[in-house]
Protein backbone atom coordinates (compact mmCIF):
# COMPACT_ATOMS: atom_id res chain seq x y z
CA UNK A 1 -121.18 90.88 -20.89
CA UNK A 2 -121.88 94.12 -19.11
CA UNK A 3 -122.87 93.79 -15.46
CA UNK A 4 -121.81 90.16 -15.14
CA UNK A 5 -119.83 89.34 -12.02
CA UNK A 6 -116.98 86.85 -11.97
CA UNK A 7 -117.67 83.48 -10.41
CA UNK A 8 -115.40 82.52 -7.51
CA UNK A 9 -113.45 80.22 -9.87
CA UNK A 10 -113.01 83.03 -12.42
CA UNK A 11 -112.02 85.46 -9.66
CA UNK A 12 -109.34 83.05 -8.41
CA UNK A 13 -108.06 82.52 -11.95
CA UNK A 14 -107.98 86.28 -12.57
CA UNK A 15 -106.04 86.88 -9.37
CA UNK A 16 -103.53 84.18 -10.37
CA UNK A 17 -103.04 85.75 -13.81
CA UNK A 18 -102.93 89.30 -12.48
CA UNK A 19 -100.26 88.26 -9.98
CA UNK A 20 -97.91 87.35 -12.83
CA UNK A 21 -98.09 90.79 -14.46
CA UNK A 22 -95.23 93.24 -14.03
CA UNK A 23 -96.39 96.86 -14.41
CA UNK A 24 -94.70 98.97 -17.08
CA UNK A 25 -94.80 101.94 -14.73
CA UNK A 26 -94.59 100.58 -11.17
CA UNK A 27 -95.84 103.83 -9.63
CA UNK A 28 -99.22 103.53 -11.39
CA UNK A 29 -100.45 100.35 -9.72
CA UNK A 30 -104.15 99.63 -9.99
CA UNK A 31 -106.07 98.95 -6.78
CA UNK A 32 -107.01 95.28 -6.25
CA UNK A 33 -110.35 94.12 -7.63
CA UNK A 34 -113.16 94.18 -5.07
CA UNK A 35 -114.40 90.86 -3.73
CA UNK A 36 -117.43 89.58 -5.65
CA UNK A 37 -120.80 90.10 -4.02
CA UNK A 38 -122.34 86.94 -2.64
CA UNK A 39 -124.94 86.65 -5.39
CA UNK A 40 -125.92 83.41 -7.08
CA UNK A 41 -124.18 82.74 -10.39
CA UNK A 42 -126.08 83.85 -13.48
CA UNK A 43 -127.31 80.75 -15.34
CA UNK A 44 -125.87 80.13 -18.79
CA UNK A 45 -128.15 81.12 -21.66
CA UNK A 46 -127.46 78.00 -23.72
CA UNK A 47 -128.64 74.59 -22.54
CA UNK A 48 -125.94 72.76 -24.50
CA UNK A 49 -123.27 74.50 -22.42
CA UNK A 50 -124.93 74.00 -19.04
CA UNK A 51 -123.61 70.48 -18.71
CA UNK A 52 -120.03 71.38 -19.63
CA UNK A 53 -117.69 70.64 -16.73
CA UNK A 54 -116.14 73.69 -15.09
CA UNK A 55 -112.36 73.66 -15.47
CA UNK A 56 -109.80 76.28 -14.64
CA UNK A 57 -110.26 77.68 -18.16
CA UNK A 58 -112.13 80.99 -18.37
CA UNK A 59 -115.55 80.98 -20.00
CA UNK A 60 -115.84 82.46 -23.50
CA UNK A 61 -116.33 86.22 -23.60
CA UNK A 62 -119.58 85.92 -25.52
CA UNK A 63 -121.96 83.04 -24.95
CA UNK A 64 -124.26 81.66 -27.63
CA UNK A 65 -127.87 82.78 -27.54
CA UNK A 66 -131.15 80.87 -27.74
CA UNK A 67 -132.81 83.30 -30.14
CA UNK A 68 -131.39 85.20 -33.08
CA UNK A 69 -133.02 88.10 -34.90
CA UNK A 70 -136.33 87.53 -36.73
CA UNK A 71 -134.69 87.04 -40.14
CA UNK A 72 -132.45 84.25 -38.87
CA UNK A 73 -135.31 82.63 -36.95
CA UNK A 74 -137.53 82.62 -40.07
CA UNK A 75 -134.77 81.05 -42.18
CA UNK A 76 -134.02 78.35 -39.58
CA UNK A 77 -137.67 77.48 -38.94
CA UNK A 78 -138.60 77.50 -42.64
CA UNK A 79 -135.66 75.41 -43.79
CA UNK A 80 -134.36 78.27 -45.93
CA UNK A 81 -131.00 78.40 -44.18
CA UNK A 82 -128.20 77.36 -46.54
CA UNK A 83 -125.04 76.15 -44.76
CA UNK A 84 -121.78 77.67 -46.00
CA UNK A 85 -119.89 74.51 -44.99
CA UNK A 86 -120.87 71.11 -43.68
CA UNK A 87 -119.11 68.26 -41.93
CA UNK A 88 -120.28 64.73 -41.20
CA UNK A 89 -118.99 63.38 -37.89
CA UNK A 90 -121.31 60.39 -37.91
CA UNK A 91 -119.38 57.15 -37.54
CA UNK A 92 -116.09 58.71 -36.39
CA UNK A 93 -114.41 57.95 -33.07
CA UNK A 94 -114.76 60.64 -30.42
CA UNK A 95 -111.18 61.83 -30.82
CA UNK A 96 -111.41 61.93 -34.63
CA UNK A 97 -114.78 63.70 -34.48
CA UNK A 98 -113.43 66.29 -32.03
CA UNK A 99 -110.41 66.99 -34.24
CA UNK A 100 -112.53 67.24 -37.40
CA UNK A 101 -115.00 69.59 -35.67
CA UNK A 102 -112.19 71.91 -34.55
CA UNK A 103 -110.73 71.92 -38.07
CA UNK A 104 -114.14 72.63 -39.62
CA UNK A 105 -114.83 75.56 -37.29
CA UNK A 106 -111.35 77.00 -37.91
CA UNK A 107 -111.93 76.71 -41.68
CA UNK A 108 -115.36 78.32 -41.39
CA UNK A 109 -113.97 81.20 -39.33
CA UNK A 110 -111.06 81.71 -41.75
CA UNK A 111 -113.44 81.79 -44.72
CA UNK A 112 -115.88 84.15 -43.04
CA UNK A 113 -118.65 81.54 -43.14
CA UNK A 114 -121.74 82.15 -41.05
CA UNK A 115 -123.42 78.72 -40.97
CA UNK A 116 -121.70 75.38 -40.42
CA UNK A 117 -123.84 72.24 -40.67
CA UNK A 118 -122.54 69.48 -38.37
CA UNK A 119 -123.99 66.00 -38.86
CA UNK A 120 -123.64 64.13 -35.57
CA UNK A 121 -126.14 61.31 -35.90
CA UNK A 122 -129.34 61.05 -33.91
CA UNK A 123 -129.16 61.69 -30.15
CA UNK A 124 -129.36 58.59 -27.98
CA UNK A 125 -132.81 57.50 -26.94
CA UNK A 126 -131.63 55.51 -23.95
CA UNK A 127 -128.43 54.34 -22.35
CA UNK A 128 -129.18 50.67 -23.05
CA UNK A 129 -129.11 49.75 -26.72
CA UNK A 130 -130.32 46.33 -27.85
CA UNK A 131 -127.12 45.63 -29.83
CA UNK A 132 -124.81 46.77 -27.00
CA UNK A 133 -123.29 49.60 -29.05
CA UNK A 134 -122.97 53.07 -27.58
CA UNK A 135 -125.12 55.49 -29.57
CA UNK A 136 -125.09 59.28 -29.66
CA UNK A 137 -121.63 59.66 -28.11
CA UNK A 138 -120.61 62.45 -30.49
CA UNK A 139 -123.90 64.26 -29.95
CA UNK A 140 -123.46 63.93 -26.19
CA UNK A 141 -119.99 65.52 -26.30
CA UNK A 142 -120.39 68.24 -28.92
CA UNK A 143 -121.65 70.87 -26.48
CA UNK A 144 -118.57 70.42 -24.31
CA UNK A 145 -116.29 70.62 -27.34
CA UNK A 146 -117.92 73.79 -28.61
CA UNK A 147 -117.90 75.46 -25.20
CA UNK A 148 -114.19 74.78 -24.63
CA UNK A 149 -112.96 75.22 -28.20
CA UNK A 150 -110.60 77.88 -29.48
CA UNK A 151 -113.42 79.57 -31.39
CA UNK A 152 -116.09 79.38 -28.65
CA UNK A 153 -116.56 83.15 -28.58
CA UNK A 154 -117.22 83.18 -32.36
CA UNK A 155 -120.31 80.96 -31.97
CA UNK A 156 -123.51 83.01 -31.98
CA UNK A 157 -125.93 80.10 -31.63
CA UNK A 158 -126.22 76.33 -31.94
CA UNK A 159 -129.50 75.00 -33.27
CA UNK A 160 -130.99 71.67 -34.25
CA UNK A 161 -131.02 71.46 -38.04
CA UNK A 162 -134.15 71.60 -40.18
CA UNK A 163 -135.36 68.14 -41.29
CA UNK A 164 -134.07 68.77 -44.82
CA UNK A 165 -130.54 69.03 -43.36
CA UNK A 166 -130.79 66.09 -40.97
CA UNK A 167 -133.18 67.24 -38.24
CA UNK A 168 -132.26 65.82 -34.84
CA UNK A 169 -129.18 64.18 -36.34
CA UNK A 170 -127.53 67.48 -37.25
CA UNK A 171 -126.80 70.93 -35.82
CA UNK A 172 -126.36 74.38 -37.28
CA UNK A 173 -123.44 76.26 -35.75
CA UNK A 174 -124.12 79.90 -36.49
CA UNK A 175 -120.98 81.97 -36.32
CA UNK A 176 -120.75 85.65 -35.48
CA UNK A 177 -119.96 87.99 -38.35
CA UNK A 178 -116.43 89.35 -38.60
CA UNK A 179 -116.00 92.88 -37.42
């Protein structure tokens, strides 16, 4: 991300990491990084990552985007997108769903897949359900899982699926092409 400044948390983390490095050639030390300008933080481009809690883990190098090129947009909107892999998390516990999602993304990345369909179930309509069961828990957590996952920087975009693939109850995870 050219021109992006480190947040104070990222700056502190960088200083901690940089302090553990021993130079190969001690005489060629780099000057310390300048203090960040007191500018407001740049808002995240993806709404599903905005609610992710900030930990001492650095943000992914490349954030997902809201809009892809025209060809991708046409295929998503028209229902012509064909997932390379799909996974159904509906009905799993949170821990099992998280583990299965990580495995599915790792498999998709290893296979060079571009589109992973993730069935989460419909998002919750309200906190209070008539039957007392908690609904939409996986859907509520998936953004956090994707933002903190090992393959976060491989995710180009996350989109609600076309109705033929589950609509509001499913997501397309569009992965960046291998270079």
